[in-house]
Amino acid sequence: MPGDSTSPAMTAAARAPLERAWWCAGRVRLRIPNKAARLACQVWARCEATGGQRWVSDRWLRYNLPLRNERGRAILQRVSAKQLRIEPLTEEMLAECAALAPTANQIVTARSLWNHGLRRAYAARAADGQPLGFVWVLTSDDNAQLATLPCWSGVYSPIPAGWVQLENVLSLGRSLSRGRIMTDLAFGAVARTDIDAVGIVAHIGATNHLVRRWIESLGCQQHGQIVRMRIDLPLLRQLPVHIHTVEPRHPLGTTTAAARQAGSAAAATIAAGGSGSTNG
């Protein structure tokens, strides 16, 4: 796509696909007015508060980071200059990662995505060949397959053309550089694709404060939320609905000193233990 997203016209064009609310259930994806989406979430919250334990919900926050501006290009250039060894993930390397972190939720998700044919994933290795982690990079080409996932398909609203979605990041080991590896792997994987990406999108579990601080330190801005709604009754419990809302506009590609400091603290905590995931 020609042009520079720092211009007002390109910024508006690049952001427009992110300013859409969605109703997702199974394979169905319906674009709905954002007012209706937010109203549905408010009504559900009231039902959940008064209707007992049969009203069940999960929440994720939607994030984006434009790359076609000065800051985005600088990030990709910096990561491209690093010596981190990033390569396409193979089934053999996935097995190596599983042996190192057999109980990690990301391993379960990785196998589900891989077996479903979603294999645009990248891994990092240390100088001695040891796996350092992996990340999936999803694009609009994957929308049809994402809609047919046997579980959690509704979490994925259509990925806008030109954008890439980071998914299922796993960082292995317990070294002090673990947080930095997560960052370099995420951006390095995007740089390795053959897509001139407009920007990055991701969703993070609302209660996963550690990874939220980390991704916000990268410059990612929240632009909405996803609410998974499920009624715990026979027949209905297998039919969850996902509402994707849009929040008020944030400045594009900006991050505060406080966010960067919080991200550094998050990276240090990640280094001390626990796995990082973009969707946990």
C-alpha atoms as a PDB file:
ATOM      1  CA  MET A   1       0.000   0.000   0.000  1.00  0.00           C
ATOM      2  CA  PRO A   2       1.562   3.314  -1.005  1.00  0.00           C
ATOM      3  CA  GLY A   3       1.868   6.301   1.249  1.00  0.00           C
ATOM      4  CA  ASP A   4       2.743   7.006   4.828  1.00  0.00           C
ATOM      5  CA  SER A   5       0.312   6.323   7.645  1.00  0.00           C
ATOM      6  CA  THR A   6       1.581   9.393   9.448  1.00  0.00           C
ATOM      7  CA  SER A   7      -0.637  11.463   7.126  1.00  0.00           C
ATOM      8  CA  PRO A   8      -4.176  12.052   8.497  1.00  0.00           C
ATOM      9  CA  ALA A   9      -5.771  10.360   5.482  1.00  0.00           C
ATOM     10  CA  MET A  10      -3.654   7.228   5.757  1.00  0.00           C
ATOM     11  CA  THR A  11      -4.082   7.101   9.537  1.00  0.00           C
ATOM     12  CA  ALA A  12      -7.869   7.196   9.182  1.00  0.00           C
ATOM     13  CA  ALA A  13      -7.812   4.601   6.376  1.00  0.00           C
ATOM     14  CA  ALA A  14      -5.512   2.301   8.330  1.00  0.00           C
ATOM     15  CA  ARG A  15      -7.545   2.541  11.511  1.00  0.00           C
ATOM     16  CA  ALA A  16     -11.023   2.301   9.960  1.00  0.00           C
ATOM     17  CA  PRO A  17     -11.189  -1.544   9.974  1.00  0.00           C
ATOM     18  CA  LEU A  18     -10.433  -1.543  13.711  1.00  0.00           C
ATOM     19  CA  GLU A  19     -13.417   0.683  14.449  1.00  0.00           C
ATOM     20  CA  ARG A  20     -15.901  -2.106  13.822  1.00  0.00           C
ATOM     21  CA  ALA A  21     -17.951  -4.018  16.362  1.00  0.00           C
ATOM     22  CA  TRP A  22     -18.773  -7.676  15.787  1.00  0.00           C
ATOM     23  CA  TRP A  23     -21.169 -10.388  16.922  1.00  0.00           C
ATOM     24  CA  CYS A  24     -19.424 -13.767  16.584  1.00  0.00           C
ATOM     25  CA  ALA A  25     -20.837 -17.214  17.292  1.00  0.00           C
ATOM     26  CA  GLY A  26     -19.417 -20.387  15.802  1.00  0.00           C
ATOM     27  CA  ARG A  27     -18.728 -19.701  12.126  1.00  0.00           C
ATOM     28  CA  VAL A  28     -20.971 -16.646  11.976  1.00  0.00           C
ATOM     29  CA  ARG A  29     -19.444 -13.140  11.898  1.00  0.00           C
ATOM     30  CA  LEU A  30     -21.863 -10.200  11.871  1.00  0.00           C
ATOM     31  CA  ARG A  31     -20.808  -6.563  11.886  1.00  0.00           C
ATOM     32  CA  ILE A  32     -23.074  -4.625  14.257  1.00  0.00           C
ATOM     33  CA  PRO A  33     -23.321  -1.006  15.430  1.00  0.00           C
ATOM     34  CA  ASN A  34     -20.950  -0.335  18.293  1.00  0.00           C
ATOM     35  CA  LYS A  35     -23.781   1.149  20.373  1.00  0.00           C
ATOM     36  CA  ALA A  36     -25.629  -2.161  20.080  1.00  0.00           C
ATOM     37  CA  ALA A  37     -22.495  -4.100  21.014  1.00  0.00           C
ATOM     38  CA  ARG A  38     -21.855  -2.014  24.109  1.00  0.00           C
ATOM     39  CA  LEU A  39     -25.518  -2.152  25.112  1.00  0.00           C
ATOM     40  CA  ALA A  40     -25.466  -5.951  24.834  1.00  0.00           C
ATOM     41  CA  CYS A  41     -22.429  -6.068  27.118  1.00  0.00           C
ATOM     42  CA  GLN A  42     -24.116  -3.792  29.656  1.00  0.00           C
ATOM     43  CA  VAL A  43     -27.296  -5.906  29.672  1.00  0.00           C
ATOM     44  CA  TRP A  44     -25.244  -9.084  30.017  1.00  0.00           C
ATOM     45  CA  ALA A  45     -23.275  -7.627  32.940  1.00  0.00           C
ATOM     46  CA  ARG A  46     -26.553  -6.839  34.724  1.00  0.00           C
ATOM     47  CA  CYS A  47     -27.876 -10.347  34.083  1.00  0.00           C
ATOM     48  CA  GLU A  48     -24.598 -11.794  35.322  1.00  0.00           C
ATOM     49  CA  ALA A  49     -24.792  -9.718  38.506  1.00  0.00           C
ATOM     50  CA  THR A  50     -28.383 -10.686  39.304  1.00  0.00           C
ATOM     51  CA  GLY A  51     -28.942 -14.011  37.575  1.00  0.00           C
ATOM     52  CA  GLY A  52     -26.602 -16.253  39.520  1.00  0.00           C
ATOM     53  CA  GLN A  53     -23.790 -18.518  38.399  1.00  0.00           C
ATOM     54  CA  ARG A  54     -25.478 -19.723  35.212  1.00  0.00           C
ATOM     55  CA  TRP A  55     -24.511 -16.473  33.446  1.00  0.00           C
ATOM     56  CA  VAL A  56     -20.840 -16.945  32.603  1.00  0.00           C
ATOM     57  CA  SER A  57     -18.506 -14.533  30.840  1.00  0.00           C
ATOM     58  CA  ASP A  58     -14.856 -14.137  29.866  1.00  0.00           C
ATOM     59  CA  ARG A  59     -13.239 -10.878  28.775  1.00  0.00           C
ATOM     60  CA  TRP A  60     -10.290  -9.879  26.626  1.00  0.00           C
ATOM     61  CA  LEU A  61      -8.957  -6.462  25.673  1.00  0.00           C
ATOM     62  CA  ARG A  62      -8.317  -5.606  22.006  1.00  0.00           C
ATOM     63  CA  TYR A  63      -5.011  -3.882  21.187  1.00  0.00           C
ATOM     64  CA  ASN A  64      -3.441  -2.387  18.080  1.00  0.00           C
ATOM     65  CA  LEU A  65      -0.086  -0.905  17.062  1.00  0.00           C
ATOM     66  CA  PRO A  66       0.320   0.888  13.698  1.00  0.00           C
ATOM     67  CA  LEU A  67       3.617   0.130  11.970  1.00  0.00           C
ATOM     68  CA  ARG A  68       3.499   2.498   9.009  1.00  0.00           C
ATOM     69  CA  ASN A  69       4.672   5.497  10.937  1.00  0.00           C
ATOM     70  CA  GLU A  70       8.081   6.654  12.067  1.00  0.00           C
ATOM     71  CA  ARG A  71       7.991   4.790  15.359  1.00  0.00           C
ATOM     72  CA  GLY A  72       6.740   1.548  13.811  1.00  0.00           C
ATOM     73  CA  ARG A  73       9.424   1.531  11.132  1.00  0.00           C
ATOM     74  CA  ALA A  74      12.092   2.245  13.737  1.00  0.00           C
ATOM     75  CA  ILE A  75      10.953  -0.738  15.810  1.00  0.00           C
ATOM     76  CA  LEU A  76      11.108  -3.151  12.879  1.00  0.00           C
ATOM     77  CA  GLN A  77      14.513  -1.836  11.767  1.00  0.00           C
ATOM     78  CA  ARG A  78      15.899  -2.231  15.286  1.00  0.00           C
ATOM     79  CA  VAL A  79      14.640  -5.799  15.588  1.00  0.00           C
ATOM     80  CA  SER A  80      15.851  -6.719  12.096  1.00  0.00           C
ATOM     81  CA  ALA A  81      19.364  -5.637  13.102  1.00  0.00           C
ATOM     82  CA  LYS A  82      19.420  -7.984  16.110  1.00  0.00           C
ATOM     83  CA  GLN A  83      21.088 -11.371  16.052  1.00  0.00           C
ATOM     84  CA  LEU A  84      18.120 -13.297  17.464  1.00  0.00           C
ATOM     85  CA  ARG A  85      17.747 -16.439  15.356  1.00  0.00           C
ATOM     86  CA  ILE A  86      14.138 -16.490  14.125  1.00  0.00           C
ATOM     87  CA  GLU A  87      12.872 -19.207  11.811  1.00  0.00           C
ATOM     88  CA  PRO A  88       9.549 -20.726  10.718  1.00  0.00           C
ATOM     89  CA  LEU A  89       8.178 -23.075  13.351  1.00  0.00           C
ATOM     90  CA  THR A  90       8.302 -26.760  12.424  1.00  0.00           C
ATOM     91  CA  GLU A  91       6.523 -29.724  13.925  1.00  0.00           C
ATOM     92  CA  GLU A  92       9.856 -30.966  15.275  1.00  0.00           C
ATOM     93  CA  MET A  93      10.590 -27.657  17.000  1.00  0.00           C
ATOM     94  CA  LEU A  94       7.082 -27.559  18.443  1.00  0.00           C
ATOM     95  CA  ALA A  95       7.807 -30.964  19.973  1.00  0.00           C
ATOM     96  CA  GLU A  96      11.045 -29.577  21.454  1.00  0.00           C
ATOM     97  CA  CYS A  97       9.124 -26.685  23.033  1.00  0.00           C
ATOM     98  CA  ALA A  98       6.490 -29.085  24.366  1.00  0.00           C
ATOM     99  CA  ALA A  99       9.218 -31.140  26.038  1.00  0.00           C
ATOM    100  CA  LEU A 100      10.532 -28.017  27.783  1.00  0.00           C
ATOM    101  CA  ALA A 101       7.097 -26.709  28.856  1.00  0.00           C
ATOM    102  CA  PRO A 102       4.699 -29.692  28.763  1.00  0.00           C
ATOM    103  CA  THR A 103       2.038 -28.048  30.956  1.00  0.00           C
ATOM    104  CA  ALA A 104       1.977 -24.621  29.284  1.00  0.00           C
ATOM    105  CA  ASN A 105      -1.419 -23.549  27.948  1.00  0.00           C
ATOM    106  CA  GLN A 106       0.334 -22.187  24.860  1.00  0.00           C
ATOM    107  CA  ILE A 107       1.438 -25.717  23.920  1.00  0.00           C
ATOM    108  CA  VAL A 108      -2.194 -26.879  23.905  1.00  0.00           C
ATOM    109  CA  THR A 109      -3.188 -23.853  21.800  1.00  0.00           C
ATOM    110  CA  ALA A 110      -0.216 -24.366  19.482  1.00  0.00           C
ATOM    111  CA  ARG A 111      -1.209 -27.952  18.752  1.00  0.00           C
ATOM    112  CA  SER A 112      -4.810 -26.903  18.149  1.00  0.00           C
ATOM    113  CA  LEU A 113      -3.788 -24.169  15.695  1.00  0.00           C
ATOM    114  CA  TRP A 114      -1.225 -26.419  13.989  1.00  0.00           C
ATOM    115  CA  ASN A 115      -3.610 -29.345  13.564  1.00  0.00           C
ATOM    116  CA  HIS A 116      -6.229 -26.980  12.165  1.00  0.00           C
ATOM    117  CA  GLY A 117      -3.851 -25.925   9.407  1.00  0.00           C
ATOM    118  CA  LEU A 118      -2.881 -22.556  10.902  1.00  0.00           C
ATOM    119  CA  ARG A 119       0.899 -22.823  10.625  1.00  0.00           C
ATOM    120  CA  ARG A 120       2.242 -19.303  10.041  1.00  0.00           C
ATOM    121  CA  ALA A 121       4.303 -19.375  13.206  1.00  0.00           C
ATOM    122  CA  TYR A 122       7.884 -18.437  14.037  1.00  0.00           C
ATOM    123  CA  ALA A 123      10.324 -19.623  16.661  1.00  0.00           C
ATOM    124  CA  ALA A 124      13.552 -18.298  18.156  1.00  0.00           C
ATOM    125  CA  ARG A 125      16.629 -20.316  19.044  1.00  0.00           C
ATOM    126  CA  ALA A 126      19.588 -19.510  21.255  1.00  0.00           C
ATOM    127  CA  ALA A 127      23.141 -19.683  19.950  1.00  0.00           C
ATOM    128  CA  ASP A 128      23.402 -23.249  21.271  1.00  0.00           C
ATOM    129  CA  GLY A 129      20.258 -24.282  19.367  1.00  0.00           C
ATOM    130  CA  GLN A 130      17.928 -24.355  22.377  1.00  0.00           C
ATOM    131  CA  PRO A 131      14.366 -23.149  21.619  1.00  0.00           C
ATOM    132  CA  LEU A 132      13.574 -19.755  23.164  1.00  0.00           C
ATOM    133  CA  GLY A 133       9.897 -19.550  22.263  1.00  0.00           C
ATOM    134  CA  PHE A 134       7.375 -19.181  19.468  1.00  0.00           C
ATOM    135  CA  VAL A 135       4.584 -16.911  18.210  1.00  0.00           C
ATOM    136  CA  TRP A 136       1.790 -17.203  15.660  1.00  0.00           C
ATOM    137  CA  VAL A 137       1.287 -14.430  13.085  1.00  0.00           C
ATOM    138  CA  LEU A 138      -2.264 -14.494  11.691  1.00  0.00           C
ATOM    139  CA  THR A 139      -3.537 -12.495   8.704  1.00  0.00           C
ATOM    140  CA  SER A 140      -6.791 -11.901   6.838  1.00  0.00           C
ATOM    141  CA  ASP A 141      -5.968 -15.016   4.781  1.00  0.00           C
ATOM    142  CA  ASP A 142      -6.617 -17.047   7.955  1.00  0.00           C
ATOM    143  CA  ASN A 143     -10.094 -15.638   8.686  1.00  0.00           C
ATOM    144  CA  ALA A 144     -11.987 -18.560   7.133  1.00  0.00           C
ATOM    145  CA  GLN A 145      -9.981 -21.171   9.056  1.00  0.00           C
ATOM    146  CA  LEU A 146     -10.209 -19.240  12.332  1.00  0.00           C
ATOM    147  CA  ALA A 147     -13.993 -19.222  12.014  1.00  0.00           C
ATOM    148  CA  THR A 148     -14.021 -23.040  11.911  1.00  0.00           C
ATOM    149  CA  LEU A 149     -11.907 -23.638  15.010  1.00  0.00           C
ATOM    150  CA  PRO A 150     -13.716 -26.215  17.185  1.00  0.00           C
ATOM    151  CA  CYS A 151     -13.282 -24.059  20.298  1.00  0.00           C
ATOM    152  CA  TRP A 152     -12.981 -20.311  20.862  1.00  0.00           C
ATOM    153  CA  SER A 153     -13.542 -19.389  17.201  1.00  0.00           C
ATOM    154  CA  GLY A 154     -15.731 -16.474  18.283  1.00  0.00           C
ATOM    155  CA  VAL A 155     -12.752 -14.769  19.914  1.00  0.00           C
ATOM    156  CA  TYR A 156     -11.437 -14.025  16.423  1.00  0.00           C
ATOM    157  CA  SER A 157     -13.288 -11.283  14.597  1.00  0.00           C
ATOM    158  CA  PRO A 158     -12.190 -10.864  10.953  1.00  0.00           C
ATOM    159  CA  ILE A 159      -8.582  -9.650  10.798  1.00  0.00           C
ATOM    160  CA  PRO A 160      -8.482  -6.497   8.626  1.00  0.00           C
ATOM    161  CA  ALA A 161      -6.586  -6.747   5.349  1.00  0.00           C
ATOM    162  CA  GLY A 162      -3.003  -5.574   5.769  1.00  0.00           C
ATOM    163  CA  TRP A 163      -2.971  -6.099   9.533  1.00  0.00           C
ATOM    164  CA  VAL A 164      -1.330  -9.027  11.344  1.00  0.00           C
ATOM    165  CA  GLN A 165      -2.498 -10.572  14.592  1.00  0.00           C
ATOM    166  CA  LEU A 166       0.018 -11.821  17.155  1.00  0.00           C
ATOM    167  CA  GLU A 167      -1.256 -14.929  18.856  1.00  0.00           C
ATOM    168  CA  ASN A 168      -0.075 -17.506  21.364  1.00  0.00           C
ATOM    169  CA  VAL A 169       3.331 -16.118  22.340  1.00  0.00           C
ATOM    170  CA  LEU A 170       5.416 -18.503  24.419  1.00  0.00           C
ATOM    171  CA  SER A 171       8.740 -17.527  25.989  1.00  0.00           C
ATOM    172  CA  LEU A 172      10.766 -20.400  27.437  1.00  0.00           C
ATOM    173  CA  GLY A 173      13.402 -20.447  30.139  1.00  0.00           C
ATOM    174  CA  ARG A 174      13.887 -18.262  33.194  1.00  0.00           C
ATOM    175  CA  SER A 175      16.732 -15.990  32.173  1.00  0.00           C
ATOM    176  CA  LEU A 176      16.718 -12.252  32.855  1.00  0.00           C
ATOM    177  CA  SER A 177      16.489 -11.636  29.102  1.00  0.00           C
ATOM    178  CA  ARG A 178      13.171 -13.465  28.787  1.00  0.00           C
ATOM    179  CA  GLY A 179      11.004 -10.357  28.521  1.00  0.00           C
ATOM    180  CA  ARG A 180      13.285  -8.876  25.860  1.00  0.00           C
ATOM    181  CA  ILE A 181      13.163 -12.144  23.918  1.00  0.00           C
ATOM    182  CA  MET A 182       9.358 -11.975  23.885  1.00  0.00           C
ATOM    183  CA  THR A 183       9.528  -8.471  22.437  1.00  0.00           C
ATOM    184  CA  ASP A 184      12.175  -9.264  19.825  1.00  0.00           C
ATOM    185  CA  LEU A 185      10.442 -12.498  18.830  1.00  0.00           C
ATOM    186  CA  ALA A 186       7.073 -10.764  18.362  1.00  0.00           C
ATOM    187  CA  PHE A 187       8.422  -7.934  16.206  1.00  0.00           C
ATOM    188  CA  GLY A 188      10.972 -10.171  14.489  1.00  0.00           C
ATOM    189  CA  ALA A 189       8.246 -12.593  13.410  1.00  0.00           C
ATOM    190  CA  VAL A 190       6.266  -9.742  11.854  1.00  0.00           C
ATOM    191  CA  ALA A 191       9.395  -8.559  10.052  1.00  0.00           C
ATOM    192  CA  ARG A 192       9.966 -12.107   8.716  1.00  0.00           C
ATOM    193  CA  THR A 193       6.571 -12.308   6.999  1.00  0.00           C
ATOM    194  CA  ASP A 194       6.132 -11.322   3.358  1.00  0.00           C
ATOM    195  CA  ILE A 195       3.436  -8.826   4.376  1.00  0.00           C
ATOM    196  CA  ASP A 196       4.054  -5.094   4.401  1.00  0.00           C
ATOM    197  CA  ALA A 197       1.946  -4.846   7.540  1.00  0.00           C
ATOM    198  CA  VAL A 198      -0.165  -1.791   8.269  1.00  0.00           C
ATOM    199  CA  GLY A 199      -0.031  -2.724  11.939  1.00  0.00           C
ATOM    200  CA  ILE A 200      -0.387  -5.338  14.652  1.00  0.00           C
ATOM    201  CA  VAL A 201      -3.507  -6.421  16.534  1.00  0.00           C
ATOM    202  CA  ALA A 202      -3.774  -8.688  19.567  1.00  0.00           C
ATOM    203  CA  HIS A 203      -6.174  -9.572  22.349  1.00  0.00           C
ATOM    204  CA  ILE A 204      -5.193 -10.110  25.987  1.00  0.00           C
ATOM    205  CA  GLY A 205      -7.184 -11.642  28.828  1.00  0.00           C
ATOM    206  CA  ALA A 206      -8.586  -8.804  30.934  1.00  0.00           C
ATOM    207  CA  THR A 207      -7.180 -10.324  34.133  1.00  0.00           C
ATOM    208  CA  ASN A 208      -3.737 -11.042  32.641  1.00  0.00           C
ATOM    209  CA  HIS A 209      -2.238  -7.830  34.016  1.00  0.00           C
ATOM    210  CA  LEU A 210       1.341  -8.980  33.509  1.00  0.00           C
ATOM    211  CA  VAL A 211       1.070  -9.458  29.743  1.00  0.00           C
ATOM    212  CA  ARG A 212      -1.155  -6.388  29.439  1.00  0.00           C
ATOM    213  CA  ARG A 213       1.619  -4.243  30.940  1.00  0.00           C
ATOM    214  CA  TRP A 214       4.148  -5.857  28.627  1.00  0.00           C
ATOM    215  CA  ILE A 215       2.172  -5.304  25.426  1.00  0.00           C
ATOM    216  CA  GLU A 216       1.304  -1.736  26.418  1.00  0.00           C
ATOM    217  CA  SER A 217       5.014  -1.056  26.907  1.00  0.00           C
ATOM    218  CA  LEU A 218       5.496  -1.919  23.216  1.00  0.00           C
ATOM    219  CA  GLY A 219       3.250   0.996  22.293  1.00  0.00           C
ATOM    220  CA  CYS A 220       0.079  -1.029  21.717  1.00  0.00           C
ATOM    221  CA  GLN A 221      -3.142   0.864  22.418  1.00  0.00           C
ATOM    222  CA  GLN A 222      -6.413  -0.632  23.605  1.00  0.00           C
ATOM    223  CA  HIS A 223      -9.234  -0.092  21.127  1.00  0.00           C
ATOM    224  CA  GLY A 224     -11.991  -2.321  22.489  1.00  0.00           C
ATOM    225  CA  GLN A 225     -12.906  -5.488  24.321  1.00  0.00           C
ATOM    226  CA  ILE A 226     -14.248  -8.965  23.644  1.00  0.00           C
ATOM    227  CA  VAL A 227     -16.914 -10.450  25.911  1.00  0.00           C
ATOM    228  CA  ARG A 228     -17.668 -14.168  25.705  1.00  0.00           C
ATOM    229  CA  MET A 229     -21.218 -14.812  26.909  1.00  0.00           C
ATOM    230  CA  ARG A 230     -22.449 -18.262  27.861  1.00  0.00           C
ATOM    231  CA  ILE A 231     -25.532 -19.506  29.726  1.00  0.00           C
ATOM    232  CA  ASP A 232     -24.676 -22.613  31.733  1.00  0.00           C
ATOM    233  CA  LEU A 233     -27.744 -24.692  30.830  1.00  0.00           C
ATOM    234  CA  PRO A 234     -28.093 -27.859  28.709  1.00  0.00           C
ATOM    235  CA  LEU A 235     -27.831 -27.068  24.975  1.00  0.00           C
ATOM    236  CA  LEU A 236     -27.076 -23.377  25.625  1.00  0.00           C
ATOM    237  CA  ARG A 237     -23.688 -23.942  27.285  1.00  0.00           C
ATOM    238  CA  GLN A 238     -22.286 -25.159  23.955  1.00  0.00           C
ATOM    239  CA  LEU A 239     -23.433 -21.996  22.133  1.00  0.00           C
ATOM    240  CA  PRO A 240     -21.330 -19.086  23.420  1.00  0.00           C
ATOM    241  CA  VAL A 241     -21.652 -15.656  21.828  1.00  0.00           C
ATOM    242  CA  HIS A 242     -18.726 -13.240  21.530  1.00  0.00           C
ATOM    243  CA  ILE A 243     -19.290  -9.479  21.327  1.00  0.00           C
ATOM    244  CA  HIS A 244     -16.369  -7.366  20.057  1.00  0.00           C
ATOM    245  CA  THR A 245     -16.746  -3.712  21.042  1.00  0.00           C
ATOM    246  CA  VAL A 246     -14.871  -0.556  20.119  1.00  0.00           C
ATOM    247  CA  GLU A 247     -13.688   1.880  22.775  1.00  0.00           C
ATOM    248  CA  PRO A 248     -13.099   5.635  22.405  1.00  0.00           C
ATOM    249  CA  ARG A 249     -10.194   6.532  20.130  1.00  0.00           C
ATOM    250  CA  HIS A 250      -6.664   6.629  21.557  1.00  0.00           C
ATOM    251  CA  PRO A 251      -3.645   8.401  20.057  1.00  0.00           C
ATOM    252  CA  LEU A 252      -2.035   6.109  17.490  1.00  0.00           C
ATOM    253  CA  GLY A 253       1.314   4.532  18.232  1.00  0.00           C
ATOM    254  CA  THR A 254       2.011   6.456  21.427  1.00  0.00           C
ATOM    255  CA  THR A 255       3.126   5.188  24.789  1.00  0.00           C
ATOM    256  CA  THR A 256       3.903   6.978  27.991  1.00  0.00           C
ATOM    257  CA  ALA A 257       7.005   6.772  30.144  1.00  0.00           C
ATOM    258  CA  ALA A 258       4.841   5.193  32.841  1.00  0.00           C
ATOM    259  CA  ALA A 259       3.727   2.482  30.415  1.00  0.00           C
ATOM    260  CA  ARG A 260       7.313   1.783  29.380  1.00  0.00           C
ATOM    261  CA  GLN A 261       8.371   1.508  33.034  1.00  0.00           C
ATOM    262  CA  ALA A 262       5.437  -0.795  33.770  1.00  0.00           C
ATOM    263  CA  GLY A 263       6.414  -2.916  30.770  1.00  0.00           C
ATOM    264  CA  SER A 264       9.987  -3.172  31.995  1.00  0.00           C
ATOM    265  CA  ALA A 265       8.699  -4.334  35.370  1.00  0.00           C
ATOM    266  CA  ALA A 266       6.427  -6.852  33.632  1.00  0.00           C
ATOM    267  CA  ALA A 267       9.347  -8.151  31.586  1.00  0.00           C
ATOM    268  CA  ALA A 268      11.372  -8.594  34.771  1.00  0.00           C
ATOM    269  CA  THR A 269       8.509 -10.523  36.359  1.00  0.00           C
ATOM    270  CA  ILE A 270       8.125 -12.684  33.266  1.00  0.00           C
ATOM    271  CA  ALA A 271      11.856 -13.360  33.477  1.00  0.00           C
ATOM    272  CA  ALA A 272      11.403 -14.603  37.020  1.00  0.00           C
ATOM    273  CA  GLY A 273       8.864 -17.225  35.993  1.00  0.00           C
ATOM    274  CA  GLY A 274       5.572 -17.931  34.246  1.00  0.00           C
ATOM    275  CA  SER A 275       4.764 -17.944  30.568  1.00  0.00           C
ATOM    276  CA  GLY A 276       3.726 -14.989  28.489  1.00  0.00           C
ATOM    277  CA  SER A 277       0.747 -15.320  26.195  1.00  0.00           C
ATOM    278  CA  THR A 278      -1.117 -12.828  24.064  1.00  0.00           C
ATOM    279  CA  ASN A 279      -4.423 -14.513  24.627  1.00  0.00           C
ATOM    280  CA  GLY A 280      -4.265 -15.832  28.164  1.00  0.00           C
END
